[in-house]
Amino acid sequence: MGTISHEYDRNIEIKAFDETKLGVKGLAATGLTKVPSIFINHQEHNRNNKQHTPDSKSQFTIPTIDLAGIDIDSDKFKKVVDEIWDACKEWGFFQVINHGIPQEVLDGVMDGVRRFHEEDDEVKKQYYTRDITISSMRFAYFSNYYLFKGPVTNWRDTMWASMAPYPPQPEELPVACRDVLFEYAKHVTKVGHTLLEMISMGLGLNPTHLKDIDCAQELMLLGNYYPPCPEPDVAIGFSKHADNDVLTILIQDKQIGGLQVWHQNQWVDVPHVPGALVINTGDVLQASSSCYLLLNFRLYENGPG
């Protein structure tokens, strides 16, 4: 009976949290000093305490690859293809610098995401939904995609925008981030196409292979927001997971950080590199390439907000 009561109470708490449509930020704004029970997974917390502690003796460093000059120097292009392919095989993760996206665009989209999440509650509520699968939707806001299915609630809110293959009309996006989402989508699409071309070549295939099988067809932009947490040692910003896409191109917030990747049976911190993009090869890419050469399994998480 005790287990049934615990699960029942958890469901009630989750339902009440979801019905506020204010997410974790709304909860944090109440001034609470303790993390509610739905955000605590005691078994995982106890097991992961050592994993979340940076290992100063770790010999592993996620690869950082410089894309400068690849469009004018064929030898540099081939060298970078090899570097990217090695990183895909060994890590499933890497960072790229000199990727062509201006710093003001990176800063602009980060500011736009922050502006939306810090918008007036009534503005955000109109975008709140738990179902982002409806084909007509181009923008949504929610807290915890697997809120009712996951073992623990993450200390995180998310905004989501579908930018391709059917771009939204300007009025479908919130004013707070409208212009910067369109600008960033244009730039990041170009970077994504370049990376897919290089990965195709690393597989020994035609440079357009992954694009030809529609790996570049969709573009979804997600902006995660981690409000200040009263007990960061018991909450997690983003539970361990692998992405079910082709490529994830991530801007890591230097103020928060906390990104870790699973490599050779240990968590490795991903350091913030100014201007860098973190690249994660997703499950779809692994499935697409598995008949040629298996990519490294990717698992990563974010630390507490």
C-alpha atoms as a PDB file:
ATOM      1  CA  MET A   1       0.000   0.000   0.000  1.00  0.00           C
ATOM      2  CA  GLY A   2       2.885   2.363   0.759  1.00  0.00           C
ATOM      3  CA  THR A   3       4.209   2.169  -2.822  1.00  0.00           C
ATOM      4  CA  ILE A   4       0.769   2.774  -4.303  1.00  0.00           C
ATOM      5  CA  SER A   5       0.249   5.824  -2.082  1.00  0.00           C
ATOM      6  CA  HIS A   6       3.669   7.238  -3.024  1.00  0.00           C
ATOM      7  CA  GLU A   7       2.971   6.881  -6.753  1.00  0.00           C
ATOM      8  CA  TYR A   8      -0.507   8.333  -6.351  1.00  0.00           C
ATOM      9  CA  ASP A   9       0.813  11.371  -4.490  1.00  0.00           C
ATOM     10  CA  ARG A  10       3.479  11.892  -7.133  1.00  0.00           C
ATOM     11  CA  ASN A  11       0.898  11.863  -9.898  1.00  0.00           C
ATOM     12  CA  ILE A  12      -1.173  14.424  -8.046  1.00  0.00           C
ATOM     13  CA  GLU A  13       1.861  16.674  -7.588  1.00  0.00           C
ATOM     14  CA  ILE A  14       2.833  16.383 -11.253  1.00  0.00           C
ATOM     15  CA  LYS A  15      -0.701  17.140 -12.415  1.00  0.00           C
ATOM     16  CA  ALA A  16      -0.909  20.208 -10.171  1.00  0.00           C
ATOM     17  CA  PHE A  17       2.486  21.417 -11.394  1.00  0.00           C
ATOM     18  CA  ASP A  18       1.515  20.942 -15.046  1.00  0.00           C
ATOM     19  CA  GLU A  19      -1.832  22.727 -14.654  1.00  0.00           C
ATOM     20  CA  THR A  20      -0.145  25.947 -13.523  1.00  0.00           C
ATOM     21  CA  LYS A  21       1.398  26.264 -17.034  1.00  0.00           C
ATOM     22  CA  LEU A  22       4.159  28.254 -15.348  1.00  0.00           C
ATOM     23  CA  GLY A  23       6.849  25.606 -15.450  1.00  0.00           C
ATOM     24  CA  VAL A  24       9.831  25.441 -13.121  1.00  0.00           C
ATOM     25  CA  LYS A  25      10.403  29.183 -13.413  1.00  0.00           C
ATOM     26  CA  GLY A  26       6.945  29.831 -11.974  1.00  0.00           C
ATOM     27  CA  LEU A  27       7.704  27.458  -9.132  1.00  0.00           C
ATOM     28  CA  ALA A  28      11.054  29.082  -8.403  1.00  0.00           C
ATOM     29  CA  ALA A  29       9.407  32.505  -8.395  1.00  0.00           C
ATOM     30  CA  THR A  30       7.366  31.546  -5.313  1.00  0.00           C
ATOM     31  CA  GLY A  31      10.534  31.746  -3.254  1.00  0.00           C
ATOM     32  CA  LEU A  32      10.601  28.107  -2.171  1.00  0.00           C
ATOM     33  CA  THR A  33      13.640  26.996  -0.171  1.00  0.00           C
ATOM     34  CA  LYS A  34      13.264  23.237  -0.726  1.00  0.00           C
ATOM     35  CA  VAL A  35      12.985  21.302  -3.975  1.00  0.00           C
ATOM     36  CA  PRO A  36       9.554  19.607  -4.247  1.00  0.00           C
ATOM     37  CA  SER A  37       9.625  15.816  -4.078  1.00  0.00           C
ATOM     38  CA  ILE A  38       8.792  15.348  -7.773  1.00  0.00           C
ATOM     39  CA  PHE A  39      12.220  16.762  -8.651  1.00  0.00           C
ATOM     40  CA  ILE A  40      14.109  14.306  -6.450  1.00  0.00           C
ATOM     41  CA  ASN A  41      15.001  10.768  -7.445  1.00  0.00           C
ATOM     42  CA  HIS A  42      16.759   9.599  -4.303  1.00  0.00           C
ATOM     43  CA  GLN A  43      18.133   6.409  -5.822  1.00  0.00           C
ATOM     44  CA  GLU A  44      19.634   8.242  -8.811  1.00  0.00           C
ATOM     45  CA  HIS A  45      20.912  11.065  -6.608  1.00  0.00           C
ATOM     46  CA  ASN A  46      22.791   8.711  -4.311  1.00  0.00           C
ATOM     47  CA  ARG A  47      24.163   6.683  -7.215  1.00  0.00           C
ATOM     48  CA  ASN A  48      25.267   9.708  -9.241  1.00  0.00           C
ATOM     49  CA  ASN A  49      26.859  11.846  -6.535  1.00  0.00           C
ATOM     50  CA  LYS A  50      30.372  10.845  -7.604  1.00  0.00           C
ATOM     51  CA  GLN A  51      29.496  10.970 -11.307  1.00  0.00           C
ATOM     52  CA  HIS A  52      28.434  14.605 -11.060  1.00  0.00           C
ATOM     53  CA  THR A  53      31.687  15.587  -9.378  1.00  0.00           C
ATOM     54  CA  PRO A  54      34.285  16.713 -11.942  1.00  0.00           C
ATOM     55  CA  ASP A  55      37.273  14.403 -11.986  1.00  0.00           C
ATOM     56  CA  SER A  56      40.327  16.634 -11.996  1.00  0.00           C
ATOM     57  CA  LYS A  57      42.453  13.608 -12.902  1.00  0.00           C
ATOM     58  CA  SER A  58      40.419  12.626 -15.958  1.00  0.00           C
ATOM     59  CA  GLN A  59      42.582  12.287 -19.040  1.00  0.00           C
ATOM     60  CA  PHE A  60      39.643  12.751 -21.399  1.00  0.00           C
ATOM     61  CA  THR A  61      38.869  15.994 -23.232  1.00  0.00           C
ATOM     62  CA  ILE A  62      36.085  16.291 -25.777  1.00  0.00           C
ATOM     63  CA  PRO A  63      37.563  17.075 -29.238  1.00  0.00           C
ATOM     64  CA  THR A  64      37.456  20.693 -30.418  1.00  0.00           C
ATOM     65  CA  ILE A  65      37.668  21.015 -34.205  1.00  0.00           C
ATOM     66  CA  ASP A  66      38.569  24.222 -36.056  1.00  0.00           C
ATOM     67  CA  LEU A  67      36.567  24.738 -39.266  1.00  0.00           C
ATOM     68  CA  ALA A  68      38.511  27.838 -40.351  1.00  0.00           C
ATOM     69  CA  GLY A  69      39.584  27.692 -43.989  1.00  0.00           C
ATOM     70  CA  ILE A  70      37.728  24.544 -45.012  1.00  0.00           C
ATOM     71  CA  ASP A  71      35.964  26.406 -47.826  1.00  0.00           C
ATOM     72  CA  ILE A  72      39.212  27.597 -49.450  1.00  0.00           C
ATOM     73  CA  ASP A  73      41.783  24.945 -48.550  1.00  0.00           C
ATOM     74  CA  SER A  74      41.105  21.426 -49.858  1.00  0.00           C
ATOM     75  CA  ASP A  75      43.822  19.893 -47.679  1.00  0.00           C
ATOM     76  CA  LYS A  76      42.331  21.525 -44.577  1.00  0.00           C
ATOM     77  CA  PHE A  77      38.896  20.272 -45.618  1.00  0.00           C
ATOM     78  CA  LYS A  78      40.144  16.671 -45.862  1.00  0.00           C
ATOM     79  CA  LYS A  79      41.957  16.982 -42.526  1.00  0.00           C
ATOM     80  CA  VAL A  80      38.780  18.222 -40.819  1.00  0.00           C
ATOM     81  CA  VAL A  81      36.727  15.414 -42.393  1.00  0.00           C
ATOM     82  CA  ASP A  82      39.107  12.939 -40.749  1.00  0.00           C
ATOM     83  CA  GLU A  83      38.956  14.779 -37.408  1.00  0.00           C
ATOM     84  CA  ILE A  84      35.169  14.862 -37.421  1.00  0.00           C
ATOM     85  CA  TRP A  85      34.893  11.224 -38.370  1.00  0.00           C
ATOM     86  CA  ASP A  86      37.338  10.187 -35.622  1.00  0.00           C
ATOM     87  CA  ALA A  87      35.302  12.208 -33.108  1.00  0.00           C
ATOM     88  CA  CYS A  88      32.065  10.573 -34.298  1.00  0.00           C
ATOM     89  CA  LYS A  89      33.535   7.088 -33.924  1.00  0.00           C
ATOM     90  CA  GLU A  90      35.282   7.615 -30.600  1.00  0.00           C
ATOM     91  CA  TRP A  91      32.984  10.064 -28.849  1.00  0.00           C
ATOM     92  CA  GLY A  92      29.774  10.801 -30.706  1.00  0.00           C
ATOM     93  CA  PHE A  93      30.464  14.365 -29.537  1.00  0.00           C
ATOM     94  CA  PHE A  94      32.762  17.208 -30.503  1.00  0.00           C
ATOM     95  CA  GLN A  95      32.920  20.999 -30.465  1.00  0.00           C
ATOM     96  CA  VAL A  96      33.468  23.185 -33.510  1.00  0.00           C
ATOM     97  CA  ILE A  97      34.948  26.664 -33.621  1.00  0.00           C
ATOM     98  CA  ASN A  98      35.186  29.144 -36.515  1.00  0.00           C
ATOM     99  CA  HIS A  99      31.979  27.630 -37.867  1.00  0.00           C
ATOM    100  CA  GLY A 100      30.788  30.795 -39.567  1.00  0.00           C
ATOM    101  CA  ILE A 101      27.960  31.826 -37.242  1.00  0.00           C
ATOM    102  CA  PRO A 102      28.700  35.356 -36.005  1.00  0.00           C
ATOM    103  CA  GLN A 103      29.025  35.735 -32.243  1.00  0.00           C
ATOM    104  CA  GLU A 104      26.285  38.355 -32.252  1.00  0.00           C
ATOM    105  CA  VAL A 105      23.884  35.788 -33.723  1.00  0.00           C
ATOM    106  CA  LEU A 106      24.813  33.221 -31.040  1.00  0.00           C
ATOM    107  CA  ASP A 107      24.413  35.839 -28.313  1.00  0.00           C
ATOM    108  CA  GLY A 108      21.193  37.050 -29.903  1.00  0.00           C
ATOM    109  CA  VAL A 109      19.463  33.679 -29.920  1.00  0.00           C
ATOM    110  CA  MET A 110      20.538  33.011 -26.321  1.00  0.00           C
ATOM    111  CA  ASP A 111      19.147  36.387 -25.290  1.00  0.00           C
ATOM    112  CA  GLY A 112      15.942  35.691 -27.227  1.00  0.00           C
ATOM    113  CA  VAL A 113      15.419  32.354 -25.481  1.00  0.00           C
ATOM    114  CA  ARG A 114      16.000  34.027 -22.131  1.00  0.00           C
ATOM    115  CA  ARG A 115      13.604  36.852 -22.981  1.00  0.00           C
ATOM    116  CA  PHE A 116      10.823  34.413 -23.807  1.00  0.00           C
ATOM    117  CA  HIS A 117      11.267  32.360 -20.642  1.00  0.00           C
ATOM    118  CA  GLU A 118      11.290  35.541 -18.568  1.00  0.00           C
ATOM    119  CA  GLU A 119       8.178  36.896 -20.300  1.00  0.00           C
ATOM    120  CA  ASP A 120       4.960  37.715 -18.485  1.00  0.00           C
ATOM    121  CA  ASP A 121       3.200  34.539 -17.351  1.00  0.00           C
ATOM    122  CA  GLU A 122       0.066  35.244 -19.371  1.00  0.00           C
ATOM    123  CA  VAL A 123       2.108  35.601 -22.553  1.00  0.00           C
ATOM    124  CA  LYS A 124       3.847  32.267 -22.034  1.00  0.00           C
ATOM    125  CA  LYS A 125       0.678  30.411 -21.044  1.00  0.00           C
ATOM    126  CA  GLN A 126      -0.821  30.835 -24.506  1.00  0.00           C
ATOM    127  CA  TYR A 127       2.000  28.693 -25.928  1.00  0.00           C
ATOM    128  CA  TYR A 128       1.966  26.021 -23.219  1.00  0.00           C
ATOM    129  CA  THR A 129       1.154  22.493 -24.387  1.00  0.00           C
ATOM    130  CA  ARG A 130       2.135  18.898 -23.720  1.00  0.00           C
ATOM    131  CA  ASP A 131       1.572  17.860 -27.357  1.00  0.00           C
ATOM    132  CA  ILE A 132       4.120  19.157 -29.856  1.00  0.00           C
ATOM    133  CA  THR A 133       3.268  16.485 -32.415  1.00  0.00           C
ATOM    134  CA  ILE A 134       0.401  18.416 -33.954  1.00  0.00           C
ATOM    135  CA  SER A 135       1.535  19.193 -37.492  1.00  0.00           C
ATOM    136  CA  SER A 136       0.052  22.691 -37.538  1.00  0.00           C
ATOM    137  CA  MET A 137       2.083  23.850 -34.513  1.00  0.00           C
ATOM    138  CA  ARG A 138       5.246  25.856 -35.108  1.00  0.00           C
ATOM    139  CA  PHE A 139       6.016  26.964 -31.541  1.00  0.00           C
ATOM    140  CA  ALA A 140       5.378  25.542 -28.087  1.00  0.00           C
ATOM    141  CA  TYR A 141       6.455  25.980 -24.502  1.00  0.00           C
ATOM    142  CA  PHE A 142       6.428  23.222 -21.899  1.00  0.00           C
ATOM    143  CA  SER A 143       8.230  21.864 -18.860  1.00  0.00           C
ATOM    144  CA  ASN A 144       9.648  18.343 -19.094  1.00  0.00           C
ATOM    145  CA  TYR A 145       8.625  16.543 -22.276  1.00  0.00           C
ATOM    146  CA  TYR A 146       8.306  13.249 -20.368  1.00  0.00           C
ATOM    147  CA  LEU A 147       6.733  14.846 -17.299  1.00  0.00           C
ATOM    148  CA  PHE A 148       4.175  12.079 -16.751  1.00  0.00           C
ATOM    149  CA  LYS A 149       6.445   9.212 -17.841  1.00  0.00           C
ATOM    150  CA  GLY A 150       9.900  10.016 -16.531  1.00  0.00           C
ATOM    151  CA  PRO A 151      11.122   8.788 -13.120  1.00  0.00           C
ATOM    152  CA  VAL A 152      12.041  12.292 -11.963  1.00  0.00           C
ATOM    153  CA  THR A 153      11.046  15.812 -12.988  1.00  0.00           C
ATOM    154  CA  ASN A 154      13.909  17.915 -14.367  1.00  0.00           C
ATOM    155  CA  TRP A 155      14.580  21.446 -13.170  1.00  0.00           C
ATOM    156  CA  ARG A 156      14.066  22.845 -16.659  1.00  0.00           C
ATOM    157  CA  ASP A 157      11.578  24.608 -18.946  1.00  0.00           C
ATOM    158  CA  THR A 158      11.748  24.392 -22.736  1.00  0.00           C
ATOM    159  CA  MET A 159      10.613  26.387 -25.751  1.00  0.00           C
ATOM    160  CA  TRP A 160      10.359  24.578 -29.086  1.00  0.00           C
ATOM    161  CA  ALA A 161      10.124  25.917 -32.641  1.00  0.00           C
ATOM    162  CA  SER A 162       9.711  23.946 -35.867  1.00  0.00           C
ATOM    163  CA  MET A 163      11.638  25.902 -38.509  1.00  0.00           C
ATOM    164  CA  ALA A 164      11.810  23.395 -41.404  1.00  0.00           C
ATOM    165  CA  PRO A 165      10.690  21.924 -43.727  1.00  0.00           C
ATOM    166  CA  TYR A 166       7.699  24.266 -43.314  1.00  0.00           C
ATOM    167  CA  PRO A 167       8.939  27.569 -41.902  1.00  0.00           C
ATOM    168  CA  PRO A 168       6.553  29.351 -39.532  1.00  0.00           C
ATOM    169  CA  GLN A 169       4.910  32.606 -40.345  1.00  0.00           C
ATOM    170  CA  PRO A 170       6.368  35.469 -38.256  1.00  0.00           C
ATOM    171  CA  GLU A 171       3.161  35.842 -36.269  1.00  0.00           C
ATOM    172  CA  GLU A 172       3.397  32.189 -35.162  1.00  0.00           C
ATOM    173  CA  LEU A 173       6.508  32.948 -33.099  1.00  0.00           C
ATOM    174  CA  PRO A 174       6.596  35.071 -29.917  1.00  0.00           C
ATOM    175  CA  VAL A 175       7.802  38.635 -30.348  1.00  0.00           C
ATOM    176  CA  ALA A 176      10.481  38.093 -27.678  1.00  0.00           C
ATOM    177  CA  CYS A 177      12.464  35.697 -29.872  1.00  0.00           C
ATOM    178  CA  ARG A 178      10.912  35.947 -33.359  1.00  0.00           C
ATOM    179  CA  ASP A 179      13.652  37.706 -35.310  1.00  0.00           C
ATOM    180  CA  VAL A 180      16.571  35.886 -33.686  1.00  0.00           C
ATOM    181  CA  LEU A 181      15.036  32.449 -34.310  1.00  0.00           C
ATOM    182  CA  PHE A 182      14.755  33.150 -38.035  1.00  0.00           C
ATOM    183  CA  GLU A 183      18.299  34.542 -38.159  1.00  0.00           C
ATOM    184  CA  TYR A 184      19.825  31.677 -36.194  1.00  0.00           C
ATOM    185  CA  ALA A 185      17.921  29.049 -38.209  1.00  0.00           C
ATOM    186  CA  LYS A 186      19.431  30.421 -41.418  1.00  0.00           C
ATOM    187  CA  HIS A 187      22.987  30.201 -40.089  1.00  0.00           C
ATOM    188  CA  VAL A 188      22.710  26.888 -38.249  1.00  0.00           C
ATOM    189  CA  THR A 189      21.183  25.205 -41.301  1.00  0.00           C
ATOM    190  CA  LYS A 190      24.318  26.021 -43.273  1.00  0.00           C
ATOM    191  CA  VAL A 191      26.551  24.595 -40.519  1.00  0.00           C
ATOM    192  CA  GLY A 192      24.401  21.473 -40.306  1.00  0.00           C
ATOM    193  CA  HIS A 193      24.643  20.856 -44.039  1.00  0.00           C
ATOM    194  CA  THR A 194      28.432  21.218 -43.918  1.00  0.00           C
ATOM    195  CA  LEU A 195      28.717  18.732 -41.054  1.00  0.00           C
ATOM    196  CA  LEU A 196      26.460  16.204 -42.790  1.00  0.00           C
ATOM    197  CA  GLU A 197      28.567  16.521 -45.927  1.00  0.00           C
ATOM    198  CA  MET A 198      31.741  15.827 -43.964  1.00  0.00           C
ATOM    199  CA  ILE A 199      30.230  12.895 -42.065  1.00  0.00           C
ATOM    200  CA  SER A 200      29.041  11.416 -45.375  1.00  0.00           C
ATOM    201  CA  MET A 201      32.583  11.658 -46.689  1.00  0.00           C
ATOM    202  CA  GLY A 202      33.927  10.137 -43.486  1.00  0.00           C
ATOM    203  CA  LEU A 203      31.667   7.160 -44.175  1.00  0.00           C
ATOM    204  CA  GLY A 204      33.229   6.878 -47.628  1.00  0.00           C
ATOM    205  CA  LEU A 205      30.021   7.985 -49.326  1.00  0.00           C
ATOM    206  CA  ASN A 206      28.989  10.719 -51.728  1.00  0.00           C
ATOM    207  CA  PRO A 207      29.127  14.100 -49.909  1.00  0.00           C
ATOM    208  CA  THR A 208      25.377  14.585 -50.431  1.00  0.00           C
ATOM    209  CA  HIS A 209      24.404  11.106 -49.233  1.00  0.00           C
ATOM    210  CA  LEU A 210      22.929  12.056 -45.862  1.00  0.00           C
ATOM    211  CA  LYS A 211      21.121  15.028 -47.367  1.00  0.00           C
ATOM    212  CA  ASP A 212      19.797  12.838 -50.186  1.00  0.00           C
ATOM    213  CA  ILE A 213      18.155  10.490 -47.669  1.00  0.00           C
ATOM    214  CA  ASP A 214      16.451  13.495 -45.997  1.00  0.00           C
ATOM    215  CA  CYS A 215      18.717  13.757 -42.944  1.00  0.00           C
ATOM    216  CA  ALA A 216      18.702  17.545 -43.412  1.00  0.00           C
ATOM    217  CA  GLN A 217      14.984  17.915 -43.997  1.00  0.00           C
ATOM    218  CA  GLU A 218      13.801  19.040 -40.558  1.00  0.00           C
ATOM    219  CA  LEU A 219      15.049  21.723 -38.216  1.00  0.00           C
ATOM    220  CA  MET A 220      13.770  22.062 -34.669  1.00  0.00           C
ATOM    221  CA  LEU A 221      15.098  24.711 -32.311  1.00  0.00           C
ATOM    222  CA  LEU A 222      14.842  24.097 -28.575  1.00  0.00           C
ATOM    223  CA  GLY A 223      15.722  26.624 -25.915  1.00  0.00           C
ATOM    224  CA  ASN A 224      16.149  25.201 -22.409  1.00  0.00           C
ATOM    225  CA  TYR A 225      15.921  27.428 -19.358  1.00  0.00           C
ATOM    226  CA  TYR A 226      17.259  26.458 -15.917  1.00  0.00           C
ATOM    227  CA  PRO A 227      15.902  28.736 -13.157  1.00  0.00           C
ATOM    228  CA  PRO A 228      17.946  29.199  -9.961  1.00  0.00           C
ATOM    229  CA  CYS A 229      17.532  26.083  -7.836  1.00  0.00           C
ATOM    230  CA  PRO A 230      17.343  26.196  -4.009  1.00  0.00           C
ATOM    231  CA  GLU A 231      18.917  22.724  -3.719  1.00  0.00           C
ATOM    232  CA  PRO A 232      21.098  22.131  -6.788  1.00  0.00           C
ATOM    233  CA  ASP A 233      22.679  19.079  -5.157  1.00  0.00           C
ATOM    234  CA  VAL A 234      19.413  17.104  -5.277  1.00  0.00           C
ATOM    235  CA  ALA A 235      17.944  18.279  -8.600  1.00  0.00           C
ATOM    236  CA  ILE A 236      19.071  17.672 -12.173  1.00  0.00           C
ATOM    237  CA  GLY A 237      18.662  20.065 -15.078  1.00  0.00           C
ATOM    238  CA  PHE A 238      18.521  17.368 -17.753  1.00  0.00           C
ATOM    239  CA  SER A 239      18.584  13.633 -17.018  1.00  0.00           C
ATOM    240  CA  LYS A 240      20.962  11.313 -18.864  1.00  0.00           C
ATOM    241  CA  HIS A 241      19.700  10.640 -22.376  1.00  0.00           C
ATOM    242  CA  ALA A 242      20.597  10.180 -26.033  1.00  0.00           C
ATOM    243  CA  ASP A 243      19.036  12.381 -28.730  1.00  0.00           C
ATOM    244  CA  ASN A 244      16.633  10.784 -31.216  1.00  0.00           C
ATOM    245  CA  ASP A 245      17.639  13.008 -34.129  1.00  0.00           C
ATOM    246  CA  VAL A 246      20.365  13.187 -36.771  1.00  0.00           C
ATOM    247  CA  LEU A 247      22.520  15.953 -35.307  1.00  0.00           C
ATOM    248  CA  THR A 248      22.133  18.184 -32.295  1.00  0.00           C
ATOM    249  CA  ILE A 249      23.932  21.523 -32.551  1.00  0.00           C
ATOM    250  CA  LEU A 250      24.123  23.035 -29.082  1.00  0.00           C
ATOM    251  CA  ILE A 251      25.127  26.404 -27.681  1.00  0.00           C
ATOM    252  CA  GLN A 252      26.251  25.889 -24.099  1.00  0.00           C
ATOM    253  CA  ASP A 253      25.478  28.768 -21.748  1.00  0.00           C
ATOM    254  CA  LYS A 254      28.737  29.870 -20.145  1.00  0.00           C
ATOM    255  CA  GLN A 255      26.896  31.153 -17.065  1.00  0.00           C
ATOM    256  CA  ILE A 256      25.332  27.762 -16.290  1.00  0.00           C
ATOM    257  CA  GLY A 257      27.312  25.069 -18.086  1.00  0.00           C
ATOM    258  CA  GLY A 258      27.085  21.649 -16.499  1.00  0.00           C
ATOM    259  CA  LEU A 259      26.998  19.585 -19.698  1.00  0.00           C
ATOM    260  CA  GLN A 260      28.560  16.136 -19.342  1.00  0.00           C
ATOM    261  CA  VAL A 261      28.989  13.250 -21.787  1.00  0.00           C
ATOM    262  CA  TRP A 262      29.417   9.552 -21.064  1.00  0.00           C
ATOM    263  CA  HIS A 263      32.747   8.304 -22.383  1.00  0.00           C
ATOM    264  CA  GLN A 264      34.560   5.080 -21.522  1.00  0.00           C
ATOM    265  CA  ASN A 265      32.351   4.391 -18.499  1.00  0.00           C
ATOM    266  CA  GLN A 266      32.626   7.813 -16.903  1.00  0.00           C
ATOM    267  CA  TRP A 267      31.051  11.252 -17.097  1.00  0.00           C
ATOM    268  CA  VAL A 268      33.289  13.827 -18.750  1.00  0.00           C
ATOM    269  CA  ASP A 269      32.633  17.566 -18.406  1.00  0.00           C
ATOM    270  CA  VAL A 270      32.214  19.542 -21.621  1.00  0.00           C
ATOM    271  CA  PRO A 271      34.065  22.810 -20.992  1.00  0.00           C
ATOM    272  CA  HIS A 272      32.612  26.036 -22.270  1.00  0.00           C
ATOM    273  CA  VAL A 273      34.652  27.245 -25.252  1.00  0.00           C
ATOM    274  CA  PRO A 274      33.777  30.829 -26.283  1.00  0.00           C
ATOM    275  CA  GLY A 275      31.920  30.832 -29.589  1.00  0.00           C
ATOM    276  CA  ALA A 276      31.941  27.038 -29.914  1.00  0.00           C
ATOM    277  CA  LEU A 277      29.051  24.790 -30.900  1.00  0.00           C
ATOM    278  CA  VAL A 278      28.702  21.372 -29.267  1.00  0.00           C
ATOM    279  CA  ILE A 279      27.806  18.685 -31.824  1.00  0.00           C
ATOM    280  CA  ASN A 280      26.034  15.466 -30.826  1.00  0.00           C
ATOM    281  CA  THR A 281      25.491  12.665 -33.339  1.00  0.00           C
ATOM    282  CA  GLY A 282      21.955  11.443 -32.698  1.00  0.00           C
ATOM    283  CA  ASP A 283      20.261   8.058 -32.846  1.00  0.00           C
ATOM    284  CA  VAL A 284      18.897   8.593 -36.364  1.00  0.00           C
ATOM    285  CA  LEU A 285      22.397   9.207 -37.706  1.00  0.00           C
ATOM    286  CA  GLN A 286      23.650   6.091 -35.964  1.00  0.00           C
ATOM    287  CA  ALA A 287      20.843   4.052 -37.536  1.00  0.00           C
ATOM    288  CA  SER A 288      21.514   5.592 -40.952  1.00  0.00           C
ATOM    289  CA  SER A 289      25.227   4.846 -40.797  1.00  0.00           C
ATOM    290  CA  SER A 290      25.161   1.498 -38.993  1.00  0.00           C
ATOM    291  CA  CYS A 291      25.397  -0.508 -42.205  1.00  0.00           C
ATOM    292  CA  TYR A 292      28.728   1.213 -42.924  1.00  0.00           C
ATOM    293  CA  LEU A 293      30.373   1.701 -39.545  1.00  0.00           C
ATOM    294  CA  LEU A 294      28.874   1.926 -36.065  1.00  0.00           C
ATOM    295  CA  LEU A 295      29.062   5.349 -34.446  1.00  0.00           C
ATOM    296  CA  ASN A 296      29.844   5.677 -30.769  1.00  0.00           C
ATOM    297  CA  PHE A 297      26.816   5.516 -28.425  1.00  0.00           C
ATOM    298  CA  ARG A 298      25.985   8.969 -27.109  1.00  0.00           C
ATOM    299  CA  LEU A 299      24.718   9.684 -23.637  1.00  0.00           C
ATOM    300  CA  TYR A 300      24.751  13.049 -21.973  1.00  0.00           C
ATOM    301  CA  GLU A 301      23.125  15.147 -19.297  1.00  0.00           C
ATOM    302  CA  ASN A 302      23.012  18.602 -17.767  1.00  0.00           C
ATOM    303  CA  GLY A 303      23.799  19.265 -14.163  1.00  0.00           C
ATOM    304  CA  PRO A 304      21.408  21.055 -11.791  1.00  0.00           C
ATOM    305  CA  GLY A 305      20.137  24.521 -12.586  1.00  0.00           C
END
